[in-house]
C-alpha cells in the first residue's frame, strides 16, 4: 500500500496511569513519575534488532493520571478529546492504561473515535515496568509496533503478544499476564517470533470506510449513574428491578440474562421492563456467558424480552454494551434513532 502522509510522524505515547507506571515502596505499589525516562531506558535494553523495529515516539502524561478503577465516563470523554486534539500530528497513538478498566476505555474510545484513519492502541501491564519478570516492556513494544501500522485504522488492545479489537476485548483474568480475551471475534494481529503480524481482513479498514466523523458528546450527565448494569439471578423479583429502573436518573440499562436470551417468565418482571422501555429508557440485554450471543425468542423463556421492547446486544461484551449505551444516550437523538443505532454495528462491536 502507498504510505499515508502521516506515516513518518512520531507515535504518541499517552500515559494515563496504572500499574505499569508504579514502583514498589514499603507501603506497597505507589505511583511514580518521569515515565518517559523510564520507558526509554527500558526500551533501550532490547536487542538492537528489536530496537530497530520501533517507531519514533513522543510521550505525554495526562494532567491527572489515575488508578483505572476510579475511571468514569467523564474520564473516557477527556481521553477521547485529548486523542482527537493530538492525533493529526502522529502516525498513531499508544495509550498506557491501568488494566482494571482498560477494556472499558478501549470500547468507549472506539465509539467516540469513529472513522479513525490510523491506529489507537491501548495497553498496560499486570506488573510495574521495573519489576522482575514484568510484562510491561513486552506490551509496550508490541503496542508501539502496531501503532505504526497504517493498515490498522481502529482502536485496539495490545496485550500478551496479541492484538484485540478494542470494542471486543474484556479482562478475563485477575492475575495472569495473559489477562485479556476477545470472546467473540478473532485476533486482529499477534506476535510471531520477533515479527508482529496484522490480519487486515479482520480490521475495520476493509469493513468501515466513510464513517463521517469523530463523535465527542458530553458524557458528564451520565457519569453519575445514568446507565446501570443488572445481572439476573434465580429468584429476582419485579420490585428489585423496579427499584433501579424507575429512578428518574437512570436513562439506560444493560441486563445480563441467561444462556441464549432467557429471563424468568414472570409477568411482573416483564411489565417493569416494558414500562421502562416505554418511557424511552434504552434497555439492552446480553448473555451472562462470555462466549456466544443471545437470540431472544429462541426459547419461550426469552419471549418476554421481545414483549418488553428490550434490545438484543447479540454477542457484545459488557464493556462494549455499556459504553455504547452511554454514547448513544449522550448524543442528541430521539429514542427511535438510539434504538436503531444500538442494533447497528458501528465499530465492529457486534
C-alpha atoms as a PDB file:
ATOM      1  CA  UNK A   1       0.000   0.000   0.000  1.00  0.00           C
ATOM      2  CA  UNK A   2       1.068   3.625  -0.529  1.00  0.00           C
ATOM      3  CA  UNK A   3       2.354   5.154   2.703  1.00  0.00           C
ATOM      4  CA  UNK A   4      -0.090   7.750   4.059  1.00  0.00           C
ATOM      5  CA  UNK A   5       1.203  11.325   4.503  1.00  0.00           C
ATOM      6  CA  UNK A   6       1.378  10.949   8.276  1.00  0.00           C
ATOM      7  CA  UNK A   7       3.428   7.723   8.254  1.00  0.00           C
ATOM      8  CA  UNK A   8       6.719   9.499   9.032  1.00  0.00           C
ATOM      9  CA  UNK A   9       5.318  11.307  12.059  1.00  0.00           C
ATOM     10  CA  UNK A  10       6.143  10.018  15.554  1.00  0.00           C
ATOM     11  CA  UNK A  11       3.793   7.808  17.519  1.00  0.00           C
ATOM     12  CA  UNK A  12       2.313   9.495  20.582  1.00  0.00           C
ATOM     13  CA  UNK A  13       2.537   7.549  23.843  1.00  0.00           C
ATOM     14  CA  UNK A  14      -0.205   8.816  26.149  1.00  0.00           C
ATOM     15  CA  UNK A  15       0.308   7.857  29.791  1.00  0.00           C
ATOM     16  CA  UNK A  16      -2.881   7.809  31.887  1.00  0.00           C
ATOM     17  CA  UNK A  17      -1.722   5.875  34.966  1.00  0.00           C
ATOM     18  CA  UNK A  18      -1.990   2.268  36.120  1.00  0.00           C
ATOM     19  CA  UNK A  19       0.230  -0.486  37.480  1.00  0.00           C
ATOM     20  CA  UNK A  20       2.693  -0.177  34.586  1.00  0.00           C
ATOM     21  CA  UNK A  21       3.992   3.157  35.891  1.00  0.00           C
ATOM     22  CA  UNK A  22       4.072   2.291  39.591  1.00  0.00           C
ATOM     23  CA  UNK A  23       7.074   1.440  41.748  1.00  0.00           C
ATOM     24  CA  UNK A  24       7.348  -0.630  44.926  1.00  0.00           C
ATOM     25  CA  UNK A  25       7.562   1.044  48.329  1.00  0.00           C
ATOM     26  CA  UNK A  26       7.392  -0.053  51.957  1.00  0.00           C
ATOM     27  CA  UNK A  27       3.617   0.506  51.782  1.00  0.00           C
ATOM     28  CA  UNK A  28       3.165  -1.389  48.501  1.00  0.00           C
ATOM     29  CA  UNK A  29       2.944  -0.157  44.909  1.00  0.00           C
ATOM     30  CA  UNK A  30       2.705   3.612  44.561  1.00  0.00           C
ATOM     31  CA  UNK A  31       2.519   5.946  41.537  1.00  0.00           C
ATOM     32  CA  UNK A  32       5.869   7.092  40.205  1.00  0.00           C
ATOM     33  CA  UNK A  33       6.833   9.911  37.851  1.00  0.00           C
ATOM     34  CA  UNK A  34       9.224  10.532  34.958  1.00  0.00           C
ATOM     35  CA  UNK A  35       7.577   7.893  32.807  1.00  0.00           C
ATOM     36  CA  UNK A  36       9.356   8.967  29.607  1.00  0.00           C
ATOM     37  CA  UNK A  37      12.870   8.463  31.010  1.00  0.00           C
ATOM     38  CA  UNK A  38      11.855   5.106  32.416  1.00  0.00           C
ATOM     39  CA  UNK A  39      10.230   3.976  29.149  1.00  0.00           C
ATOM     40  CA  UNK A  40      13.218   4.933  27.041  1.00  0.00           C
ATOM     41  CA  UNK A  41      15.617   3.278  29.463  1.00  0.00           C
ATOM     42  CA  UNK A  42      13.614   0.024  29.393  1.00  0.00           C
ATOM     43  CA  UNK A  43      13.270   0.006  25.611  1.00  0.00           C
ATOM     44  CA  UNK A  44      16.992   0.747  25.331  1.00  0.00           C
ATOM     45  CA  UNK A  45      17.658  -2.637  26.900  1.00  0.00           C
ATOM     46  CA  UNK A  46      16.067  -4.504  23.995  1.00  0.00           C
ATOM     47  CA  UNK A  47      18.332  -6.251  21.467  1.00  0.00           C
ATOM     48  CA  UNK A  48      19.409  -3.862  18.667  1.00  0.00           C
ATOM     49  CA  UNK A  49      17.436  -5.837  16.081  1.00  0.00           C
ATOM     50  CA  UNK A  50      14.212  -5.225  18.014  1.00  0.00           C
ATOM     51  CA  UNK A  51      15.017  -1.602  18.827  1.00  0.00           C
ATOM     52  CA  UNK A  52      15.349  -1.000  15.102  1.00  0.00           C
ATOM     53  CA  UNK A  53      11.739  -2.148  14.620  1.00  0.00           C
ATOM     54  CA  UNK A  54      10.363   0.512  16.966  1.00  0.00           C
ATOM     55  CA  UNK A  55       8.913   3.755  15.595  1.00  0.00           C
ATOM     56  CA  UNK A  56       9.982   7.171  16.773  1.00  0.00           C
ATOM     57  CA  UNK A  57       7.730   8.291  19.612  1.00  0.00           C
ATOM     58  CA  UNK A  58       6.987  11.152  21.961  1.00  0.00           C
ATOM     59  CA  UNK A  59       5.458  10.848  25.422  1.00  0.00           C
ATOM     60  CA  UNK A  60       2.679  12.871  27.001  1.00  0.00           C
ATOM     61  CA  UNK A  61       1.298  12.371  30.507  1.00  0.00           C
ATOM     62  CA  UNK A  62      -2.316  13.373  31.095  1.00  0.00           C
ATOM     63  CA  UNK A  63      -2.905  16.118  33.633  1.00  0.00           C
ATOM     64  CA  UNK A  64      -4.201  13.786  36.340  1.00  0.00           C
ATOM     65  CA  UNK A  65      -3.111  10.134  35.966  1.00  0.00           C
ATOM     66  CA  UNK A  66      -5.491   7.814  37.826  1.00  0.00           C
ATOM     67  CA  UNK A  67      -5.879   4.283  39.052  1.00  0.00           C
ATOM     68  CA  UNK A  68      -8.129   2.882  36.342  1.00  0.00           C
ATOM     69  CA  UNK A  69     -10.559   1.521  38.936  1.00  0.00           C
ATOM     70  CA  UNK A  70     -11.534   5.163  39.547  1.00  0.00           C
ATOM     71  CA  UNK A  71     -12.388   5.853  35.903  1.00  0.00           C
ATOM     72  CA  UNK A  72     -15.813   7.240  34.960  1.00  0.00           C
ATOM     73  CA  UNK A  73     -17.495   8.115  31.642  1.00  0.00           C
ATOM     74  CA  UNK A  74     -16.152  11.632  32.133  1.00  0.00           C
ATOM     75  CA  UNK A  75     -12.613  10.200  32.040  1.00  0.00           C
ATOM     76  CA  UNK A  76     -13.430   8.378  28.788  1.00  0.00           C
ATOM     77  CA  UNK A  77     -14.623  11.675  27.359  1.00  0.00           C
ATOM     78  CA  UNK A  78     -11.474  13.547  28.399  1.00  0.00           C
ATOM     79  CA  UNK A  79      -9.226  10.811  26.994  1.00  0.00           C
ATOM     80  CA  UNK A  80     -11.022  10.833  23.630  1.00  0.00           C
ATOM     81  CA  UNK A  81     -10.807  14.633  23.479  1.00  0.00           C
ATOM     82  CA  UNK A  82      -7.054  14.512  24.119  1.00  0.00           C
ATOM     83  CA  UNK A  83      -6.578  11.939  21.360  1.00  0.00           C
ATOM     84  CA  UNK A  84      -8.766  13.856  18.918  1.00  0.00           C
ATOM     85  CA  UNK A  85      -6.773  17.019  19.601  1.00  0.00           C
ATOM     86  CA  UNK A  86      -3.368  15.409  19.045  1.00  0.00           C
ATOM     87  CA  UNK A  87      -3.867  12.582  16.573  1.00  0.00           C
ATOM     88  CA  UNK A  88      -3.302  14.713  13.481  1.00  0.00           C
ATOM     89  CA  UNK A  89       0.352  15.188  14.442  1.00  0.00           C
ATOM     90  CA  UNK A  90       1.097  11.484  14.857  1.00  0.00           C
ATOM     91  CA  UNK A  91       1.266   8.250  12.889  1.00  0.00           C
ATOM     92  CA  UNK A  92      -0.639   6.512  15.665  1.00  0.00           C
ATOM     93  CA  UNK A  93      -1.270   6.617  19.376  1.00  0.00           C
ATOM     94  CA  UNK A  94      -0.417   4.260  22.242  1.00  0.00           C
ATOM     95  CA  UNK A  95      -2.479   4.686  25.407  1.00  0.00           C
ATOM     96  CA  UNK A  96      -0.864   3.342  28.587  1.00  0.00           C
ATOM     97  CA  UNK A  97      -3.736   2.488  30.925  1.00  0.00           C
ATOM     98  CA  UNK A  98      -4.462   0.535  34.099  1.00  0.00           C
ATOM     99  CA  UNK A  99      -5.767  -2.933  33.352  1.00  0.00           C
ATOM    100  CA  UNK A 100      -8.847  -2.986  35.599  1.00  0.00           C
ATOM    101  CA  UNK A 101     -10.949  -0.845  33.261  1.00  0.00           C
ATOM    102  CA  UNK A 102      -8.719  -0.890  30.188  1.00  0.00           C
ATOM    103  CA  UNK A 103     -11.320  -2.721  28.066  1.00  0.00           C
ATOM    104  CA  UNK A 104     -13.984  -0.201  29.118  1.00  0.00           C
ATOM    105  CA  UNK A 105     -11.864   2.740  27.994  1.00  0.00           C
ATOM    106  CA  UNK A 106     -10.914   0.986  24.751  1.00  0.00           C
ATOM    107  CA  UNK A 107     -14.577   0.292  23.965  1.00  0.00           C
ATOM    108  CA  UNK A 108     -15.609   3.868  24.729  1.00  0.00           C
ATOM    109  CA  UNK A 109     -12.790   5.279  22.606  1.00  0.00           C
ATOM    110  CA  UNK A 110     -13.955   3.145  19.683  1.00  0.00           C
ATOM    111  CA  UNK A 111     -17.416   4.746  19.750  1.00  0.00           C
ATOM    112  CA  UNK A 112     -16.090   8.271  20.246  1.00  0.00           C
ATOM    113  CA  UNK A 113     -13.374   7.990  17.580  1.00  0.00           C
ATOM    114  CA  UNK A 114     -15.393   6.506  14.728  1.00  0.00           C
ATOM    115  CA  UNK A 115     -13.778   6.919  11.339  1.00  0.00           C
ATOM    116  CA  UNK A 116     -10.180   6.580  12.520  1.00  0.00           C
ATOM    117  CA  UNK A 117      -7.627   6.565   9.701  1.00  0.00           C
ATOM    118  CA  UNK A 118      -4.713   5.398  11.891  1.00  0.00           C
ATOM    119  CA  UNK A 119      -4.116   3.196  14.945  1.00  0.00           C
ATOM    120  CA  UNK A 120      -5.044   3.886  18.558  1.00  0.00           C
ATOM    121  CA  UNK A 121      -3.563   1.035  20.592  1.00  0.00           C
ATOM    122  CA  UNK A 122      -4.347   0.655  24.291  1.00  0.00           C
ATOM    123  CA  UNK A 123      -2.091  -1.365  26.563  1.00  0.00           C
ATOM    124  CA  UNK A 124      -0.992  -1.725  30.171  1.00  0.00           C
ATOM    125  CA  UNK A 125       0.663  -4.285  32.373  1.00  0.00           C
ATOM    126  CA  UNK A 126      -0.057  -6.641  35.221  1.00  0.00           C
ATOM    127  CA  UNK A 127       3.273  -5.656  36.847  1.00  0.00           C
ATOM    128  CA  UNK A 128       5.241  -2.391  37.129  1.00  0.00           C
ATOM    129  CA  UNK A 129       7.760  -1.603  34.425  1.00  0.00           C
ATOM    130  CA  UNK A 130      10.810  -2.169  36.627  1.00  0.00           C
ATOM    131  CA  UNK A 131       9.529  -5.288  38.425  1.00  0.00           C
ATOM    132  CA  UNK A 132      11.437  -8.519  37.881  1.00  0.00           C
ATOM    133  CA  UNK A 133       9.775 -10.574  35.139  1.00  0.00           C
ATOM    134  CA  UNK A 134       7.353  -7.762  34.311  1.00  0.00           C
ATOM    135  CA  UNK A 135       5.116  -7.999  31.260  1.00  0.00           C
ATOM    136  CA  UNK A 136       5.191  -4.216  30.818  1.00  0.00           C
ATOM    137  CA  UNK A 137       8.097  -3.902  28.391  1.00  0.00           C
ATOM    138  CA  UNK A 138       6.787  -6.597  26.038  1.00  0.00           C
ATOM    139  CA  UNK A 139       3.345  -4.994  25.967  1.00  0.00           C
ATOM    140  CA  UNK A 140       4.754  -1.522  25.281  1.00  0.00           C
ATOM    141  CA  UNK A 141       6.984  -2.849  22.497  1.00  0.00           C
ATOM    142  CA  UNK A 142       4.023  -4.667  20.933  1.00  0.00           C
ATOM    143  CA  UNK A 143       1.768  -1.615  21.142  1.00  0.00           C
ATOM    144  CA  UNK A 144       4.385   0.694  19.607  1.00  0.00           C
ATOM    145  CA  UNK A 145       4.947  -1.607  16.655  1.00  0.00           C
ATOM    146  CA  UNK A 146       1.241  -1.983  15.922  1.00  0.00           C
ATOM    147  CA  UNK A 147       0.670   1.758  16.399  1.00  0.00           C
ATOM    148  CA  UNK A 148       2.984   2.370  13.435  1.00  0.00           C
ATOM    149  CA  UNK A 149       0.934   0.166  11.082  1.00  0.00           C
ATOM    150  CA  UNK A 150      -1.203   2.401   8.837  1.00  0.00           C
ATOM    151  CA  UNK A 151      -3.414  -0.554   7.851  1.00  0.00           C
ATOM    152  CA  UNK A 152      -4.747  -0.608  11.414  1.00  0.00           C
ATOM    153  CA  UNK A 153      -7.476   2.029  11.470  1.00  0.00           C
ATOM    154  CA  UNK A 154      -9.335   1.456  14.717  1.00  0.00           C
ATOM    155  CA  UNK A 155      -8.970   1.240  18.486  1.00  0.00           C
ATOM    156  CA  UNK A 156      -7.207  -1.960  19.508  1.00  0.00           C
ATOM    157  CA  UNK A 157      -5.807  -3.579  22.653  1.00  0.00           C
ATOM    158  CA  UNK A 158      -2.250  -4.957  22.614  1.00  0.00           C
ATOM    159  CA  UNK A 159      -1.540  -7.405  25.406  1.00  0.00           C
ATOM    160  CA  UNK A 160       0.456 -10.606  25.949  1.00  0.00           C
ATOM    161  CA  UNK A 161       1.555 -10.904  22.333  1.00  0.00           C
ATOM    162  CA  UNK A 162      -1.907 -10.398  20.827  1.00  0.00           C
ATOM    163  CA  UNK A 163      -3.856  -7.554  19.255  1.00  0.00           C
ATOM    164  CA  UNK A 164      -7.591  -7.455  20.024  1.00  0.00           C
ATOM    165  CA  UNK A 165     -10.348  -5.203  18.747  1.00  0.00           C
ATOM    166  CA  UNK A 166     -10.937  -2.613  21.444  1.00  0.00           C
ATOM    167  CA  UNK A 167     -14.719  -2.987  21.368  1.00  0.00           C
ATOM    168  CA  UNK A 168     -14.424  -6.784  21.574  1.00  0.00           C
ATOM    169  CA  UNK A 169     -11.995  -7.029  24.478  1.00  0.00           C
ATOM    170  CA  UNK A 170     -12.519  -7.994  28.122  1.00  0.00           C
ATOM    171  CA  UNK A 171     -10.235  -8.532  31.075  1.00  0.00           C
ATOM    172  CA  UNK A 172     -10.787 -12.183  31.917  1.00  0.00           C
ATOM    173  CA  UNK A 173      -8.080 -12.943  34.492  1.00  0.00           C
ATOM    174  CA  UNK A 174      -7.118 -11.008  37.622  1.00  0.00           C
ATOM    175  CA  UNK A 175      -3.568 -12.374  37.931  1.00  0.00           C
ATOM    176  CA  UNK A 176      -2.172 -13.906  34.733  1.00  0.00           C
ATOM    177  CA  UNK A 177      -0.094 -11.838  32.342  1.00  0.00           C
ATOM    178  CA  UNK A 178      -2.390 -13.157  29.595  1.00  0.00           C
ATOM    179  CA  UNK A 179      -5.267 -11.237  31.150  1.00  0.00           C
ATOM    180  CA  UNK A 180      -7.363 -10.165  28.139  1.00  0.00           C
ATOM    181  CA  UNK A 181      -9.523 -12.028  25.669  1.00  0.00           C
ATOM    182  CA  UNK A 182     -11.730 -11.301  22.677  1.00  0.00           C
ATOM    183  CA  UNK A 183     -14.504 -13.837  23.286  1.00  0.00           C
ATOM    184  CA  UNK A 184     -16.482 -13.484  20.064  1.00  0.00           C
ATOM    185  CA  UNK A 185     -14.102 -12.049  17.486  1.00  0.00           C
ATOM    186  CA  UNK A 186     -10.741 -13.312  16.175  1.00  0.00           C
ATOM    187  CA  UNK A 187      -7.424 -11.597  16.825  1.00  0.00           C
ATOM    188  CA  UNK A 188      -6.560  -8.547  14.753  1.00  0.00           C
ATOM    189  CA  UNK A 189      -2.894  -9.458  14.985  1.00  0.00           C
ATOM    190  CA  UNK A 190      -0.248 -11.196  17.054  1.00  0.00           C
ATOM    191  CA  UNK A 191       3.450 -11.536  17.680  1.00  0.00           C
ATOM    192  CA  UNK A 192       5.126 -14.421  15.890  1.00  0.00           C
ATOM    193  CA  UNK A 193       8.739 -14.745  16.946  1.00  0.00           C
ATOM    194  CA  UNK A 194      10.250 -11.280  16.547  1.00  0.00           C
ATOM    195  CA  UNK A 195       7.634 -10.243  13.993  1.00  0.00           C
ATOM    196  CA  UNK A 196       4.244  -8.649  14.553  1.00  0.00           C
ATOM    197  CA  UNK A 197       1.597  -9.868  12.134  1.00  0.00           C
ATOM    198  CA  UNK A 198      -1.561  -7.913  11.325  1.00  0.00           C
ATOM    199  CA  UNK A 199      -4.612  -9.601   9.773  1.00  0.00           C
ATOM    200  CA  UNK A 200      -6.069  -6.776   7.633  1.00  0.00           C
ATOM    201  CA  UNK A 201      -9.171  -8.694   6.526  1.00  0.00           C
ATOM    202  CA  UNK A 202     -10.341  -8.699  10.159  1.00  0.00           C
ATOM    203  CA  UNK A 203      -9.794  -4.969  10.620  1.00  0.00           C
ATOM    204  CA  UNK A 204     -12.161  -2.055  10.132  1.00  0.00           C
ATOM    205  CA  UNK A 205     -10.049  -0.630   7.318  1.00  0.00           C
ATOM    206  CA  UNK A 206     -11.803  -3.059   4.951  1.00  0.00           C
ATOM    207  CA  UNK A 207     -15.146  -3.067   6.763  1.00  0.00           C
ATOM    208  CA  UNK A 208     -15.900   0.558   7.611  1.00  0.00           C
ATOM    209  CA  UNK A 209     -14.764   3.322   5.350  1.00  0.00           C
ATOM    210  CA  UNK A 210     -16.736   6.520   5.128  1.00  0.00           C
ATOM    211  CA  UNK A 211     -17.666   6.852   8.806  1.00  0.00           C
ATOM    212  CA  UNK A 212     -18.337  10.590   8.852  1.00  0.00           C
ATOM    213  CA  UNK A 213     -16.585  11.980  11.926  1.00  0.00           C
ATOM    214  CA  UNK A 214     -15.437  11.639  15.495  1.00  0.00           C
ATOM    215  CA  UNK A 215     -18.359  11.856  17.920  1.00  0.00           C
ATOM    216  CA  UNK A 216     -17.345  13.633  21.127  1.00  0.00           C
ATOM    217  CA  UNK A 217     -20.547  14.322  23.076  1.00  0.00           C
ATOM    218  CA  UNK A 218     -20.680  15.470  26.688  1.00  0.00           C
ATOM    219  CA  UNK A 219     -20.722  12.386  28.930  1.00  0.00           C
ATOM    220  CA  UNK A 220     -20.898  14.387  32.164  1.00  0.00           C
ATOM    221  CA  UNK A 221     -24.670  13.969  32.726  1.00  0.00           C
ATOM    222  CA  UNK A 222     -24.237  10.176  32.510  1.00  0.00           C
ATOM    223  CA  UNK A 223     -21.096   9.946  34.636  1.00  0.00           C
ATOM    224  CA  UNK A 224     -23.042   9.674  37.901  1.00  0.00           C
ATOM    225  CA  UNK A 225     -25.109   6.615  37.167  1.00  0.00           C
ATOM    226  CA  UNK A 226     -27.200   7.328  34.088  1.00  0.00           C
ATOM    227  CA  UNK A 227     -26.651   3.772  32.835  1.00  0.00           C
ATOM    228  CA  UNK A 228     -26.910   0.757  35.147  1.00  0.00           C
ATOM    229  CA  UNK A 229     -25.878  -2.881  34.824  1.00  0.00           C
ATOM    230  CA  UNK A 230     -28.176  -5.592  36.190  1.00  0.00           C
ATOM    231  CA  UNK A 231     -27.336  -9.286  36.242  1.00  0.00           C
ATOM    232  CA  UNK A 232     -30.274 -11.627  36.698  1.00  0.00           C
ATOM    233  CA  UNK A 233     -30.189 -14.303  39.401  1.00  0.00           C
ATOM    234  CA  UNK A 234     -32.629 -17.089  40.267  1.00  0.00           C
ATOM    235  CA  UNK A 235     -35.393 -15.578  42.358  1.00  0.00           C
ATOM    236  CA  UNK A 236     -35.039 -11.981  41.193  1.00  0.00           C
ATOM    237  CA  UNK A 237     -38.194 -10.010  41.939  1.00  0.00           C
ATOM    238  CA  UNK A 238     -40.001  -7.323  39.955  1.00  0.00           C
ATOM    239  CA  UNK A 239     -39.682  -4.823  42.814  1.00  0.00           C
ATOM    240  CA  UNK A 240     -35.913  -5.210  42.744  1.00  0.00           C
ATOM    241  CA  UNK A 241     -35.750  -4.353  39.048  1.00  0.00           C
ATOM    242  CA  UNK A 242     -38.199  -1.525  39.555  1.00  0.00           C
ATOM    243  CA  UNK A 243     -36.052  -0.018  42.311  1.00  0.00           C
ATOM    244  CA  UNK A 244     -33.354   0.575  39.696  1.00  0.00           C
ATOM    245  CA  UNK A 245     -35.306   1.240  36.534  1.00  0.00           C
ATOM    246  CA  UNK A 246     -37.965   3.569  37.952  1.00  0.00           C
ATOM    247  CA  UNK A 247     -35.364   6.069  39.171  1.00  0.00           C
ATOM    248  CA  UNK A 248     -35.549   9.190  37.005  1.00  0.00           C
ATOM    249  CA  UNK A 249     -31.763   9.427  36.994  1.00  0.00           C
ATOM    250  CA  UNK A 250     -31.493   6.122  35.107  1.00  0.00           C
ATOM    251  CA  UNK A 251     -31.650   6.639  31.342  1.00  0.00           C
ATOM    252  CA  UNK A 252     -30.434   3.233  30.204  1.00  0.00           C
ATOM    253  CA  UNK A 253     -29.687  -0.252  31.481  1.00  0.00           C
ATOM    254  CA  UNK A 254     -27.829  -3.379  30.471  1.00  0.00           C
ATOM    255  CA  UNK A 255     -29.444  -6.653  31.521  1.00  0.00           C
ATOM    256  CA  UNK A 256     -27.253  -9.728  31.740  1.00  0.00           C
ATOM    257  CA  UNK A 257     -29.650 -12.597  31.088  1.00  0.00           C
ATOM    258  CA  UNK A 258     -29.263 -16.359  30.980  1.00  0.00           C
ATOM    259  CA  UNK A 259     -27.967 -18.508  28.151  1.00  0.00           C
ATOM    260  CA  UNK A 260     -29.210 -17.517  24.720  1.00  0.00           C
ATOM    261  CA  UNK A 261     -31.527 -14.787  25.993  1.00  0.00           C
ATOM    262  CA  UNK A 262     -33.756 -16.151  28.743  1.00  0.00           C
ATOM    263  CA  UNK A 263     -35.448 -14.381  31.656  1.00  0.00           C
ATOM    264  CA  UNK A 264     -37.938 -15.508  34.325  1.00  0.00           C
ATOM    265  CA  UNK A 265     -41.449 -15.937  32.830  1.00  0.00           C
ATOM    266  CA  UNK A 266     -42.823 -13.538  35.436  1.00  0.00           C
ATOM    267  CA  UNK A 267     -45.423 -11.075  34.067  1.00  0.00           C
ATOM    268  CA  UNK A 268     -44.461  -8.531  36.735  1.00  0.00           C
ATOM    269  CA  UNK A 269     -40.777  -8.658  35.749  1.00  0.00           C
ATOM    270  CA  UNK A 270     -41.694  -8.286  32.090  1.00  0.00           C
ATOM    271  CA  UNK A 271     -44.035  -5.424  33.000  1.00  0.00           C
ATOM    272  CA  UNK A 272     -41.263  -3.496  34.770  1.00  0.00           C
ATOM    273  CA  UNK A 273     -39.017  -3.844  31.725  1.00  0.00           C
ATOM    274  CA  UNK A 274     -41.809  -2.850  29.345  1.00  0.00           C
ATOM    275  CA  UNK A 275     -42.654   0.229  31.422  1.00  0.00           C
ATOM    276  CA  UNK A 276     -39.037   1.420  31.467  1.00  0.00           C
ATOM    277  CA  UNK A 277     -38.662   0.817  27.739  1.00  0.00           C
ATOM    278  CA  UNK A 278     -41.956   2.573  27.038  1.00  0.00           C
ATOM    279  CA  UNK A 279     -40.716   5.627  28.937  1.00  0.00           C
ATOM    280  CA  UNK A 280     -37.870   5.945  26.450  1.00  0.00           C
ATOM    281  CA  UNK A 281     -35.173   4.353  28.566  1.00  0.00           C
ATOM    282  CA  UNK A 282     -32.659   2.448  26.472  1.00  0.00           C
ATOM    283  CA  UNK A 283     -32.736  -1.146  27.767  1.00  0.00           C
ATOM    284  CA  UNK A 284     -30.490  -3.798  26.209  1.00  0.00           C
ATOM    285  CA  UNK A 285     -29.625  -7.396  27.050  1.00  0.00           C
ATOM    286  CA  UNK A 286     -26.605  -9.658  26.636  1.00  0.00           C
ATOM    287  CA  UNK A 287     -25.837 -13.133  27.909  1.00  0.00           C
ATOM    288  CA  UNK A 288     -24.094 -13.789  31.201  1.00  0.00           C
ATOM    289  CA  UNK A 289     -21.970 -16.259  29.204  1.00  0.00           C
ATOM    290  CA  UNK A 290     -18.751 -14.684  27.931  1.00  0.00           C
ATOM    291  CA  UNK A 291     -18.722 -16.724  24.725  1.00  0.00           C
ATOM    292  CA  UNK A 292     -21.673 -16.666  22.334  1.00  0.00           C
ATOM    293  CA  UNK A 293     -24.558 -14.278  21.980  1.00  0.00           C
ATOM    294  CA  UNK A 294     -28.289 -14.111  22.585  1.00  0.00           C
ATOM    295  CA  UNK A 295     -31.283 -14.667  20.315  1.00  0.00           C
ATOM    296  CA  UNK A 296     -34.375 -13.629  22.307  1.00  0.00           C
ATOM    297  CA  UNK A 297     -37.394 -15.702  21.374  1.00  0.00           C
ATOM    298  CA  UNK A 298     -35.494 -18.872  20.505  1.00  0.00           C
ATOM    299  CA  UNK A 299     -36.891 -20.278  23.736  1.00  0.00           C
ATOM    300  CA  UNK A 300     -40.244 -19.384  25.244  1.00  0.00           C
ATOM    301  CA  UNK A 301     -38.350 -18.110  28.312  1.00  0.00           C
ATOM    302  CA  UNK A 302     -36.841 -15.354  26.185  1.00  0.00           C
ATOM    303  CA  UNK A 303     -40.057 -14.151  24.614  1.00  0.00           C
ATOM    304  CA  UNK A 304     -40.541 -11.687  27.460  1.00  0.00           C
ATOM    305  CA  UNK A 305     -37.537  -9.627  26.315  1.00  0.00           C
ATOM    306  CA  UNK A 306     -39.169  -9.080  22.942  1.00  0.00           C
ATOM    307  CA  UNK A 307     -42.533  -8.254  24.518  1.00  0.00           C
ATOM    308  CA  UNK A 308     -40.876  -5.695  26.792  1.00  0.00           C
ATOM    309  CA  UNK A 309     -39.034  -3.916  23.974  1.00  0.00           C
ATOM    310  CA  UNK A 310     -35.592  -4.869  25.282  1.00  0.00           C
ATOM    311  CA  UNK A 311     -32.886  -4.616  22.617  1.00  0.00           C
ATOM    312  CA  UNK A 312     -30.657  -7.581  21.814  1.00  0.00           C
ATOM    313  CA  UNK A 313     -26.970  -6.973  22.440  1.00  0.00           C
ATOM    314  CA  UNK A 314     -26.174 -10.044  20.349  1.00  0.00           C
ATOM    315  CA  UNK A 315     -22.625 -11.189  21.270  1.00  0.00           C
ATOM    316  CA  UNK A 316     -21.325  -7.863  22.601  1.00  0.00           C
ATOM    317  CA  UNK A 317     -19.076  -7.679  25.634  1.00  0.00           C
ATOM    318  CA  UNK A 318     -20.479  -5.950  28.735  1.00  0.00           C
ATOM    319  CA  UNK A 319     -17.860  -3.244  28.249  1.00  0.00           C
ATOM    320  CA  UNK A 320     -18.958  -2.526  24.685  1.00  0.00           C
ATOM    321  CA  UNK A 321     -22.662  -2.670  25.518  1.00  0.00           C
ATOM    322  CA  UNK A 322     -22.411  -0.251  28.448  1.00  0.00           C
ATOM    323  CA  UNK A 323     -20.141   2.215  26.660  1.00  0.00           C
ATOM    324  CA  UNK A 324     -22.390   2.137  23.588  1.00  0.00           C
ATOM    325  CA  UNK A 325     -25.455   2.874  25.729  1.00  0.00           C
ATOM    326  CA  UNK A 326     -23.613   5.795  27.344  1.00  0.00           C
ATOM    327  CA  UNK A 327     -22.503   7.077  23.968  1.00  0.00           C
ATOM    328  CA  UNK A 328     -25.921   6.925  22.324  1.00  0.00           C
ATOM    329  CA  UNK A 329     -27.653   8.496  25.308  1.00  0.00           C
ATOM    330  CA  UNK A 330     -25.186  11.403  25.217  1.00  0.00           C
ATOM    331  CA  UNK A 331     -25.981  12.167  21.572  1.00  0.00           C
ATOM    332  CA  UNK A 332     -28.878  14.485  20.619  1.00  0.00           C
ATOM    333  CA  UNK A 333     -31.037  11.696  19.157  1.00  0.00           C
ATOM    334  CA  UNK A 334     -34.635  10.640  19.571  1.00  0.00           C
ATOM    335  CA  UNK A 335     -35.486   7.295  21.166  1.00  0.00           C
ATOM    336  CA  UNK A 336     -36.177   5.533  17.857  1.00  0.00           C
ATOM    337  CA  UNK A 337     -32.814   6.547  16.399  1.00  0.00           C
ATOM    338  CA  UNK A 338     -30.971   5.443  19.546  1.00  0.00           C
ATOM    339  CA  UNK A 339     -32.651   2.046  19.323  1.00  0.00           C
ATOM    340  CA  UNK A 340     -31.757   1.730  15.641  1.00  0.00           C
ATOM    341  CA  UNK A 341     -28.133   2.644  16.225  1.00  0.00           C
ATOM    342  CA  UNK A 342     -27.785   0.277  19.164  1.00  0.00           C
ATOM    343  CA  UNK A 343     -28.784  -2.578  16.834  1.00  0.00           C
ATOM    344  CA  UNK A 344     -26.380  -1.324  14.130  1.00  0.00           C
ATOM    345  CA  UNK A 345     -22.699  -2.362  14.182  1.00  0.00           C
ATOM    346  CA  UNK A 346     -20.796   0.920  14.443  1.00  0.00           C
ATOM    347  CA  UNK A 347     -17.203  -0.163  15.149  1.00  0.00           C
ATOM    348  CA  UNK A 348     -17.318  -3.929  14.745  1.00  0.00           C
ATOM    349  CA  UNK A 349     -18.648  -4.354  18.289  1.00  0.00           C
ATOM    350  CA  UNK A 350     -21.353  -6.844  17.242  1.00  0.00           C
END
